[in-house]
Protein backbone atom coordinates (compact mmCIF):
# COMPACT_ATOMS: atom_id res chain seq x y z
CA MET A 1 22.96 -77.57 -7.75
CA GLY A 2 25.33 -80.43 -8.39
CA ASP A 3 24.95 -84.19 -8.71
CA ALA A 4 23.16 -85.29 -5.57
CA LEU A 5 23.73 -88.96 -6.40
CA THR A 6 27.45 -88.62 -5.64
CA CYS A 7 26.88 -87.08 -2.20
CA GLY A 8 27.07 -88.78 1.16
CA ARG A 9 24.38 -88.41 3.79
CA ASN A 10 26.12 -85.40 5.37
CA ASP A 11 27.47 -83.98 2.12
CA LEU A 12 25.82 -80.76 0.93
CA SER A 13 28.38 -79.95 -1.72
CA ALA A 14 25.71 -80.51 -4.39
CA TYR A 15 24.29 -77.12 -3.39
CA ARG A 16 26.14 -74.35 -5.18
CA ALA A 17 23.98 -71.31 -4.43
CA GLY A 18 21.08 -70.01 -2.36
CA PHE A 19 18.72 -67.09 -2.89
CA LEU A 20 16.88 -64.95 -0.33
CA THR A 21 13.72 -63.15 -1.44
CA ARG A 22 13.92 -60.84 1.58
CA LEU A 23 15.43 -60.73 5.06
CA HIS A 24 12.37 -61.22 7.28
CA SER A 25 12.90 -63.82 9.97
CA ASP A 26 10.50 -66.41 8.55
CA HIS A 27 12.70 -66.55 5.43
CA VAL A 28 16.15 -66.68 7.04
CA THR A 29 15.79 -68.24 10.50
CA ASP A 30 17.06 -71.66 9.39
CA LEU A 31 19.88 -70.26 7.27
CA PHE A 32 22.67 -70.79 9.78
CA THR A 33 21.44 -74.29 10.62
CA PHE A 34 21.99 -75.17 6.96
CA PHE A 35 25.46 -73.67 7.00
CA VAL A 36 26.70 -75.10 10.29
CA GLN A 37 25.40 -78.59 9.51
CA GLY A 38 26.66 -78.30 5.95
CA PHE A 39 30.27 -77.45 6.73
CA VAL A 40 30.72 -80.04 9.49
CA GLY A 41 32.88 -82.81 8.04
CA GLY A 42 33.37 -80.92 4.78
CA GLY A 43 29.75 -80.99 3.73
CA LEU A 44 29.97 -77.63 1.99
CA GLY A 45 32.71 -76.31 -0.21
CA VAL A 46 34.14 -79.53 -1.60
CA GLY A 47 35.69 -78.03 -4.71
CA VAL A 48 32.97 -75.39 -5.19
CA GLN A 49 32.08 -72.45 -2.96
CA PHE A 50 28.50 -71.88 -1.83
CA GLN A 51 27.20 -68.51 -3.06
CA LEU A 52 24.39 -66.74 -1.16
CA TYR A 53 22.42 -64.00 -2.96
CA GLY A 54 19.94 -61.66 -1.30
CA PRO A 55 18.71 -58.08 -0.88
CA GLY A 56 21.18 -55.22 -0.77
CA ASN A 57 20.96 -51.79 0.80
CA ARG A 58 17.44 -50.56 1.51
CA GLY A 59 18.70 -47.09 2.26
CA ARG A 60 16.09 -46.12 4.85
CA LEU A 61 13.60 -47.31 7.46
CA PRO A 62 9.88 -47.73 6.66
CA HIS A 63 7.47 -44.90 7.39
CA VAL A 64 5.50 -45.30 10.60
CA PHE A 65 2.02 -46.66 9.87
CA PRO A 66 -0.63 -45.46 10.47
CA PRO A 67 0.80 -41.97 9.91
CA GLY A 68 1.21 -40.11 13.17
CA ARG A 69 1.49 -43.24 15.32
CA SER A 70 4.17 -42.82 17.97
CA ALA A 71 7.21 -45.04 17.46
CA SER A 72 10.28 -45.72 19.51
CA ALA A 73 13.85 -45.27 18.31
CA PRO A 74 14.95 -47.91 15.81
CA PHE A 75 16.61 -51.12 16.93
CA ASN A 76 20.37 -51.15 16.29
CA PRO A 77 20.46 -47.56 15.03
CA ALA A 78 24.04 -47.93 13.78
CA ASP A 79 22.85 -50.50 11.20
CA PRO A 80 19.03 -50.64 11.25
CA THR A 81 18.60 -52.33 7.85
CA PRO A 82 21.53 -54.75 7.39
CA VAL A 83 22.05 -56.29 3.96
CA THR A 84 22.62 -59.93 3.04
CA VAL A 85 26.42 -59.79 3.30
CA GLY A 86 26.25 -58.01 6.67
CA MET A 87 23.66 -60.45 8.04
CA LEU A 88 25.81 -63.39 6.99
CA ARG A 89 28.88 -61.90 8.68
CA SER A 90 26.92 -61.25 11.88
CA LEU A 91 25.58 -64.81 11.91
CA PHE A 92 29.07 -66.24 11.63
CA ASP A 93 30.26 -63.93 14.44
CA ALA A 94 27.31 -64.86 16.67
CA PHE A 95 28.01 -68.58 16.25
CA GLY A 96 31.77 -68.18 16.57
CA ALA A 97 32.05 -70.56 19.53
CA ASP A 98 30.21 -73.29 17.62
CA ILE A 99 32.30 -72.73 14.48
CA ASN A 100 35.58 -72.91 16.39
CA ASP A 101 34.45 -76.02 18.26
CA ARG A 102 33.72 -77.72 14.94
CA MET A 103 37.01 -76.58 13.42
CA PHE A 104 39.31 -77.50 16.32
CA ASP A 105 37.50 -80.50 17.77
CA ALA A 106 35.83 -82.08 14.72
CA ALA A 107 38.25 -81.11 11.91
CA ALA A 108 35.65 -79.06 10.06
CA GLY A 109 36.81 -76.53 7.48
CA LYS A 110 36.74 -72.79 7.91
CA ILE A 111 33.21 -71.86 6.95
CA GLY A 112 34.14 -68.33 5.88
CA ASP A 113 36.29 -69.86 3.15
CA VAL A 114 33.45 -71.85 1.58
CA VAL A 115 30.45 -69.51 1.86
CA THR A 116 30.35 -66.16 0.05
CA GLY A 117 27.53 -63.62 0.35
CA HIS A 118 26.35 -61.30 -2.42
CA ASN A 119 24.06 -58.27 -2.22
CA ILE A 120 21.91 -58.30 -5.37
CA ALA A 121 22.68 -55.20 -7.44
CA LEU A 122 19.79 -53.70 -9.41
CA PRO A 123 20.27 -53.02 -13.13
CA PRO A 124 21.35 -49.50 -14.11
CA GLY A 125 18.46 -47.04 -14.07
CA VAL A 126 16.27 -49.12 -11.70
CA HIS A 127 15.68 -47.47 -8.34
CA LEU A 128 13.83 -48.60 -5.24
CA CYS A 129 10.38 -47.22 -4.44
CA TYR A 130 9.18 -47.10 -0.87
CA ASP A 131 5.40 -46.77 -1.29
CA GLY A 132 4.78 -50.46 -1.97
CA THR A 133 4.92 -50.18 -5.77
CA PRO A 134 8.13 -51.53 -7.31
CA PRO A 135 9.38 -49.81 -10.47
CA ARG A 136 8.39 -51.54 -13.70
CA MET A 137 11.37 -53.55 -14.88
CA ARG A 138 12.47 -56.52 -16.95
CA PRO A 139 13.73 -59.65 -15.18
CA PHE A 140 17.52 -59.62 -14.88
CA ARG A 141 20.10 -62.37 -14.46
CA ILE A 142 21.82 -62.69 -11.09
CA TYR A 143 23.42 -66.15 -11.36
CA GLU A 144 24.32 -68.76 -13.96
CA ASP A 145 26.33 -71.96 -14.03
CA ASP A 146 26.44 -75.00 -16.31
CA ARG A 147 23.03 -76.24 -15.09
CA VAL A 148 20.84 -73.32 -14.15
CA ARG A 149 20.22 -69.64 -14.87
CA VAL A 150 18.57 -67.50 -12.20
CA LEU A 151 16.59 -64.34 -12.99
CA ALA A 152 15.23 -61.85 -10.46
CA THR A 153 12.70 -59.04 -10.36
CA LEU A 154 11.41 -56.64 -7.73
CA VAL A 155 8.00 -57.43 -6.25
CA SER A 156 5.73 -55.59 -3.84
CA HIS A 157 5.87 -56.47 -0.14
CA GLY A 158 4.67 -53.13 1.12
CA GLN A 159 7.42 -50.98 2.59
CA VAL A 160 9.75 -53.99 2.78
CA VAL A 161 12.19 -53.21 -0.02
CA PRO A 162 13.91 -54.64 -1.86
CA ALA A 163 11.81 -57.80 -2.11
CA TYR A 164 12.51 -60.26 -4.91
CA ALA A 165 10.93 -63.05 -6.91
CA PHE A 166 13.21 -65.52 -8.69
CA ARG A 167 13.00 -67.63 -11.84
CA PHE A 168 15.17 -70.76 -12.19
CA GLU A 169 15.68 -71.99 -15.75
CA SER A 170 17.34 -75.27 -16.71
CA ASP A 171 17.16 -77.99 -19.36
CA HIS A 172 14.49 -79.65 -17.22
CA GLY A 173 12.11 -76.68 -17.11
CA SER A 174 11.47 -73.40 -15.33
CA ILE A 175 10.45 -72.71 -11.73
CA VAL A 176 9.39 -69.33 -10.32
CA ILE A 177 9.13 -68.51 -6.62
CA SER A 178 7.11 -65.40 -5.85
CA GLY A 179 8.51 -64.55 -2.46
CA ASP A 180 6.13 -62.52 -0.30
CA THR A 181 4.27 -60.11 -2.56
CA THR A 182 0.97 -58.79 -3.71
CA LEU A 183 0.16 -59.19 -7.40
CA THR A 184 2.48 -57.04 -9.53
CA PRO A 185 3.22 -56.65 -13.28
CA ASN A 186 6.86 -57.58 -12.59
CA LEU A 187 5.82 -60.95 -11.17
CA LEU A 188 3.46 -61.61 -14.09
CA GLU A 189 6.26 -61.01 -16.57
CA LEU A 190 8.72 -63.18 -14.65
CA ALA A 191 6.27 -66.09 -14.27
CA ASP A 192 4.67 -66.07 -17.72
CA GLY A 193 5.27 -69.38 -19.48
CA CYS A 194 6.92 -71.13 -16.52
CA ASP A 195 6.43 -74.81 -15.75
CA LEU A 196 5.92 -74.30 -12.02
CA LEU A 197 5.04 -71.21 -9.99
CA LEU A 198 5.38 -71.40 -6.22
CA ASN A 199 3.23 -68.52 -4.99
CA GLU A 200 2.33 -67.40 -1.50
CA VAL A 201 -1.34 -66.96 -0.58
CA ILE A 202 -3.37 -65.63 2.33
CA ASP A 203 -6.98 -66.40 3.19
CA TYR A 204 -8.66 -63.01 3.46
CA ASP A 205 -11.54 -63.96 5.77
CA SER A 206 -9.43 -65.96 8.21
CA VAL A 207 -6.72 -63.33 8.45
CA ASN A 208 -9.25 -60.53 8.87
CA ALA A 209 -11.01 -62.44 11.67
CA SER A 210 -7.73 -63.13 13.46
CA ILE A 211 -6.81 -59.43 13.33
CA ASP A 212 -10.25 -58.50 14.71
CA ALA A 213 -9.60 -60.81 17.66
CA LEU A 214 -6.25 -59.31 18.60
CA PRO A 215 -6.19 -57.70 22.09
CA VAL A 216 -4.72 -54.45 20.72
CA GLY A 217 -5.94 -50.99 19.76
CA ASP A 218 -7.55 -50.09 16.44
CA GLU A 219 -4.45 -48.37 15.03
CA VAL A 220 -2.40 -51.53 15.53
CA LYS A 221 -5.11 -53.59 13.86
CA GLU A 222 -5.10 -51.12 10.98
CA ALA A 223 -1.34 -51.53 10.62
CA PHE A 224 -1.70 -55.32 10.52
CA ARG A 225 -4.42 -55.11 7.86
CA ASN A 226 -2.42 -52.65 5.79
CA HIS A 227 0.54 -55.02 5.72
CA MET A 228 -1.30 -58.30 5.31
CA PHE A 229 -3.63 -57.22 2.50
CA GLY A 230 -1.27 -54.73 0.87
CA ALA A 231 1.80 -56.95 0.82
CA HIS A 232 0.52 -60.49 0.25
CA THR A 233 -1.37 -62.38 -2.46
CA THR A 234 -5.05 -63.19 -2.00
CA GLU A 235 -7.06 -65.98 -3.59
CA ALA A 236 -8.82 -63.45 -5.82
CA GLN A 237 -5.47 -62.14 -7.08
CA LEU A 238 -4.28 -65.66 -7.89
CA ARG A 239 -7.47 -66.30 -9.85
CA GLN A 240 -6.58 -63.20 -11.85
CA LEU A 241 -2.97 -64.32 -12.28
CA VAL A 242 -3.82 -67.69 -13.88
CA ARG A 243 -6.14 -65.88 -16.29
CA ASP A 244 -3.60 -63.24 -17.28
CA ILE A 245 -0.54 -65.43 -17.91
CA LEU A 246 0.28 -69.01 -18.89
CA VAL A 247 1.57 -71.13 -16.00
CA ARG A 248 1.57 -74.93 -16.31
CA THR A 249 1.37 -75.62 -12.57
CA LEU A 250 0.66 -73.25 -9.67
CA ALA A 251 1.56 -74.55 -6.22
CA LEU A 252 0.27 -72.62 -3.21
CA HIS A 253 2.90 -72.29 -0.49
CA HIS A 254 3.71 -69.97 2.42
CA VAL A 255 -0.02 -70.25 3.20
CA VAL A 256 -1.46 -67.92 5.85
CA PRO A 257 -2.98 -68.86 8.18
CA GLY A 258 -1.46 -72.30 8.44
CA ASP A 259 -4.04 -73.61 10.91
CA ILE A 260 -7.16 -73.78 8.70
CA GLY A 261 -6.12 -77.22 7.49
CA ASP A 262 -4.99 -78.86 4.26
CA ARG A 263 -8.57 -79.56 3.20
CA ALA A 264 -9.43 -75.85 3.29
CA TRP A 265 -6.38 -75.00 1.19
CA ARG A 266 -7.30 -77.72 -1.33
CA ARG A 267 -10.68 -76.02 -1.70
CA VAL A 268 -8.88 -72.71 -2.33
CA ALA A 269 -6.72 -74.41 -4.97
CA ASP A 270 -9.82 -75.89 -6.63
CA ARG A 271 -11.49 -72.47 -6.83
CA ILE A 272 -8.39 -70.82 -8.29
CA GLY A 273 -8.00 -73.53 -10.93
CA ARG A 274 -11.62 -73.65 -12.03
CA GLY A 275 -11.99 -72.98 -15.75
CA VAL A 276 -8.29 -72.40 -16.52
CA ARG A 277 -5.56 -74.52 -18.11
CA THR A 278 -3.27 -74.20 -15.08
CA THR A 279 -3.05 -77.11 -12.65
CA VAL A 280 -3.38 -75.64 -9.15
CA ILE A 281 -2.02 -77.57 -6.17
CA ALA A 282 -2.22 -76.83 -2.45
CA GLY A 283 1.35 -77.45 -1.32
CA VAL A 284 2.16 -79.37 1.84
CA ASP A 285 5.44 -80.06 3.63
CA ASP A 286 7.75 -82.55 1.85
CA MET A 287 5.70 -82.48 -1.36
CA VAL A 288 7.74 -83.13 -4.53
CA ILE A 289 6.50 -81.59 -7.79
CA GLY A 290 8.28 -82.50 -10.99
CA VAL A 291 8.86 -80.23 -13.97
């Protein structure tokens, strides 16, 4: 990012690049709001384009789970697993009326000229696996400018592939964001030695109880459990993580469920951090953590 001190209140030109761990809705829903508000009045693209990096071609749909469960035809069969560049293009098309209103009525720039999408390309010899276990790999660089270097690695979010974790390195320190994943060797290697790890976490008992209470059949409940506990990080796994690698600060974020309260998540953080050198924090909205 650039020098935020030189920016006006509606000026987002300090932001040079963005990174998507995966394309599920809870990770991209606000993306276009950022873009449309950013380019109004020249907020984005003042001298520097905004680069968006995210997952590339998955190559196939997930297997139906549980095996043998009946499933309907895929949504949008012509392009059932769009990539980052395609999603960005579709968003701009869908909001075409808004974009043109801003351009013609409010003198905004042409947003397609200031935002560029990139599908992350895997290193040679690394291939996607579809059984929930990413191939063992070294972190690889996907972006670098005069202030930050960004590394990526594949992590395990069940059949949702590719799913990425990112490491941001600068003169100020290093920050790793796990994305949605269960504990994997790739994540451990990426996060080892970092100043701050932002890692998702789910509360096993609460999630299990909420699935039990769903008014659906057993096979649907089984599918929910398979995804939630096979594709997310539990408290027990985070206790293992802070014993296996050196992380200065671990901040819990993307907490599920979100309705058990901040006090409950602080207790989780206390249990994870007991007896280790890592400072463990239960993240809350608008929290600022320095490195």
